[in-house]
Amino acid sequence: MTLSAIEHFLNTYKDYAAILSILINVLISIVGIIPAWFLTAINIKLFGFADGFLVSFIGELVGTFVSFILYRKGLQKRFISNSTKFKGLNRLLSLEGKEAFYGVLFLRFIPFIPSSLITLFAAFGKITWSSFMLASLIGKLPVILFESYSVNQVLEFTLFGKVILGLLIIVLLIYFYRKRFNVFVKNKF
């Protein structure tokens, strides 16, 4: 499903668009490999900045909670039995109480770490679901607010939006150049 298809779908069912967007966000959280920023962009386009932020924030929180429960119930035992090989990972998974809360909170503040990865490791660890949700609520708020603001600026094509797009293009060019250069070096030698 493409971005325009999702936007068209939400526009078609405008009366239920907020609920449908939240459900789409839950699916994104469960799958874990799809970034949610595109849905934030659609939400801001459909609902405006404030309501779009609110729908995105609620969707991310509900998605985080649902995926945490599913990961913990369905995958935790299987993962822990295979994780004994990685000492650093076991240290992270053994965090409890305040340490686990602050660990999740700190990771939520870092915008480049995929949210689903944080949720996955938290679900495999010993953090309680209430501590996880509180840390996620506090940690996601500024990140989604910044994401919403940035997306809004890009959509309105302000100076800040142009800077964001320029930086994004530079990062993508560097990424693809390095990837292509590494393939060239491997094939050359």
Protein backbone atom coordinates (compact mmCIF):
# COMPACT_ATOMS: atom_id res chain seq x y z
CA MET A 1 0.00 0.00 0.00
CA THR A 2 1.44 3.36 -1.01
CA LEU A 3 1.33 6.68 0.83
CA SER A 4 -1.23 8.08 -1.55
CA ALA A 5 -3.37 4.95 -1.14
CA ILE A 6 -3.32 5.31 2.65
CA GLU A 7 -4.14 9.01 2.36
CA HIS A 8 -6.97 8.26 -0.08
CA PHE A 9 -8.28 5.52 2.23
CA LEU A 10 -8.32 7.89 5.22
CA ASN A 11 -9.93 10.63 3.12
CA THR A 12 -12.61 8.22 1.92
CA TYR A 13 -13.57 7.34 5.48
CA LYS A 14 -13.08 10.86 6.88
CA ASP A 15 -15.51 10.29 9.78
CA TYR A 16 -13.39 7.36 10.99
CA ALA A 17 -10.00 8.61 9.79
CA ALA A 18 -8.57 9.20 13.28
CA ILE A 19 -9.48 5.70 14.48
CA LEU A 20 -8.27 4.13 11.23
CA SER A 21 -5.00 6.04 11.46
CA ILE A 22 -4.48 4.78 15.01
CA LEU A 23 -5.13 1.20 13.82
CA ILE A 24 -2.65 1.65 10.96
CA ASN A 25 -0.13 2.91 13.50
CA VAL A 26 -0.70 -0.23 15.58
CA LEU A 27 0.05 -2.36 12.50
CA ILE A 28 3.19 -0.34 11.82
CA SER A 29 4.33 -0.88 15.42
CA ILE A 30 3.69 -4.63 15.30
CA VAL A 31 5.47 -5.13 11.97
CA GLY A 32 8.33 -3.01 13.25
CA ILE A 33 10.20 -2.29 10.02
CA ILE A 34 8.03 0.48 8.59
CA PRO A 35 8.78 4.02 9.80
CA ALA A 36 5.77 5.90 11.19
CA TRP A 37 6.82 9.37 10.04
CA PHE A 38 4.89 8.99 6.78
CA LEU A 39 1.68 8.40 8.74
CA THR A 40 2.45 11.49 10.82
CA ALA A 41 2.72 13.45 7.56
CA ILE A 42 -0.64 12.12 6.38
CA ASN A 43 -2.23 12.90 9.77
CA ILE A 44 -0.96 16.48 9.72
CA LYS A 45 -2.14 16.92 6.16
CA LEU A 46 -5.62 15.57 7.02
CA PHE A 47 -6.17 16.95 10.51
CA GLY A 48 -3.87 19.97 10.77
CA PHE A 49 -0.85 20.30 13.03
CA ALA A 50 -2.41 20.01 16.52
CA ASP A 51 -4.94 17.27 15.76
CA GLY A 52 -2.51 15.45 13.48
CA PHE A 53 0.08 15.42 16.26
CA LEU A 54 -2.52 14.14 18.74
CA VAL A 55 -3.70 11.32 16.43
CA SER A 56 -0.08 10.34 15.70
CA PHE A 57 0.88 10.44 19.38
CA ILE A 58 -2.09 8.31 20.46
CA GLY A 59 -1.48 5.90 17.57
CA GLU A 60 2.18 5.48 18.48
CA LEU A 61 1.38 4.90 22.15
CA VAL A 62 -1.36 2.36 21.43
CA GLY A 63 0.88 0.66 18.86
CA THR A 64 3.79 0.57 21.32
CA PHE A 65 1.61 -0.95 24.03
CA VAL A 66 0.06 -3.59 21.75
CA SER A 67 3.40 -4.60 20.23
CA PHE A 68 5.04 -4.74 23.68
CA ILE A 69 2.36 -7.16 24.90
CA LEU A 70 2.54 -9.27 21.71
CA TYR A 71 6.35 -9.41 21.73
CA ARG A 72 6.43 -10.30 25.42
CA LYS A 73 3.75 -13.00 25.17
CA GLY A 74 4.81 -14.49 21.86
CA LEU A 75 8.55 -14.11 21.52
CA GLN A 76 10.21 -13.50 24.90
CA LYS A 77 10.92 -17.11 25.92
CA ARG A 78 12.19 -18.04 22.47
CA PHE A 79 14.48 -15.01 22.32
CA ILE A 80 15.93 -15.31 25.82
CA SER A 81 16.91 -18.93 25.25
CA ASN A 82 18.95 -17.81 22.21
CA SER A 83 20.44 -14.65 23.75
CA THR A 84 22.91 -16.27 26.14
CA LYS A 85 25.66 -15.81 23.54
CA PHE A 86 25.58 -12.02 23.82
CA LYS A 87 26.85 -10.70 27.18
CA GLY A 88 26.13 -7.01 26.43
CA LEU A 89 22.60 -7.82 25.39
CA ASN A 90 22.03 -9.89 28.52
CA ARG A 91 23.14 -6.91 30.63
CA LEU A 92 20.59 -4.72 28.86
CA LEU A 93 17.84 -7.33 29.23
CA SER A 94 18.55 -7.78 32.95
CA LEU A 95 17.79 -4.14 33.85
CA GLU A 96 14.95 -3.83 36.35
CA GLY A 97 13.08 -1.12 38.22
CA LYS A 98 14.37 2.43 37.85
CA GLU A 99 17.31 1.36 35.69
CA ALA A 100 14.97 -0.23 33.14
CA PHE A 101 12.64 2.81 33.22
CA TYR A 102 15.48 5.29 32.65
CA GLY A 103 17.02 3.03 30.01
CA VAL A 104 13.81 2.99 27.94
CA LEU A 105 13.26 6.71 28.55
CA PHE A 106 16.79 7.57 27.39
CA LEU A 107 16.47 5.40 24.28
CA ARG A 108 13.09 6.99 23.42
CA PHE A 109 14.75 10.43 23.35
CA ILE A 110 17.15 9.32 20.61
CA PRO A 111 15.28 9.90 17.34
CA PHE A 112 17.43 7.61 15.16
CA ILE A 113 16.79 4.42 17.10
CA PRO A 114 13.73 2.66 15.66
CA SER A 115 10.88 2.68 18.16
CA SER A 116 10.05 -0.95 17.42
CA LEU A 117 13.59 -2.02 18.33
CA ILE A 118 13.30 -0.32 21.74
CA THR A 119 9.91 -1.96 22.25
CA LEU A 120 11.26 -5.36 21.22
CA PHE A 121 14.21 -5.31 23.63
CA ALA A 122 12.08 -3.89 26.44
CA ALA A 123 9.56 -6.70 25.91
CA PHE A 124 12.36 -9.25 26.16
CA GLY A 125 13.71 -7.62 29.31
CA LYS A 126 12.43 -7.42 32.86
CA ILE A 127 10.77 -3.99 32.77
CA THR A 128 7.16 -3.91 33.94
CA TRP A 129 4.55 -2.90 31.38
CA SER A 130 3.55 0.13 33.48
CA SER A 131 7.14 1.40 33.68
CA PHE A 132 7.58 0.76 29.98
CA MET A 133 4.42 2.69 29.10
CA LEU A 134 5.29 5.63 31.34
CA ALA A 135 8.81 5.83 29.90
CA SER A 136 7.38 5.56 26.38
CA LEU A 137 4.76 8.23 27.05
CA ILE A 138 7.34 10.69 28.39
CA GLY A 139 9.99 9.77 25.81
CA LYS A 140 7.77 9.77 22.73
CA LEU A 141 6.13 13.12 23.45
CA PRO A 142 9.04 15.38 22.47
CA VAL A 143 10.15 13.10 19.64
CA ILE A 144 6.71 12.97 17.99
CA LEU A 145 6.23 16.69 18.62
CA PHE A 146 9.53 17.42 16.83
CA GLU A 147 8.64 14.94 14.07
CA SER A 148 5.22 16.56 13.64
CA TYR A 149 6.70 20.05 13.60
CA SER A 150 9.35 19.03 11.06
CA VAL A 151 6.80 17.31 8.81
CA ASN A 152 4.52 20.34 9.05
CA GLN A 153 7.38 22.63 8.05
CA VAL A 154 8.21 20.41 5.07
CA LEU A 155 4.55 20.29 4.00
CA GLU A 156 4.31 24.09 4.23
CA PHE A 157 7.71 24.36 2.52
CA THR A 158 9.05 26.94 4.96
CA LEU A 159 12.75 27.81 5.26
CA PHE A 160 13.07 25.24 8.05
CA GLY A 161 11.29 22.68 5.85
CA LYS A 162 13.73 23.39 3.01
CA VAL A 163 16.67 22.91 5.39
CA ILE A 164 15.20 19.58 6.58
CA LEU A 165 14.71 18.41 2.99
CA GLY A 166 18.23 19.52 2.07
CA LEU A 167 19.75 17.64 5.00
CA LEU A 168 17.66 14.57 4.19
CA ILE A 169 18.86 14.63 0.58
CA ILE A 170 22.50 14.98 1.70
CA VAL A 171 22.17 12.07 4.13
CA LEU A 172 20.55 9.88 1.44
CA LEU A 173 23.23 10.78 -1.10
CA ILE A 174 25.99 9.92 1.37
CA TYR A 175 24.27 6.66 2.27
CA PHE A 176 23.81 5.55 -1.33
CA TYR A 177 27.27 6.75 -2.34
CA ARG A 178 28.90 4.77 0.47
CA LYS A 179 26.81 1.71 -0.31
CA ARG A 180 27.69 1.89 -3.99
CA PHE A 181 31.36 2.58 -3.17
CA ASN A 182 31.51 -0.48 -0.87
CA VAL A 183 30.01 -2.68 -3.60
CA PHE A 184 32.57 -1.27 -6.07
CA VAL A 185 35.46 -1.97 -3.68
CA LYS A 186 34.24 -5.54 -3.02
CA ASN A 187 33.92 -6.26 -6.74
CA LYS A 188 37.26 -4.62 -7.58
CA PHE A 189 39.30 -6.66 -5.13
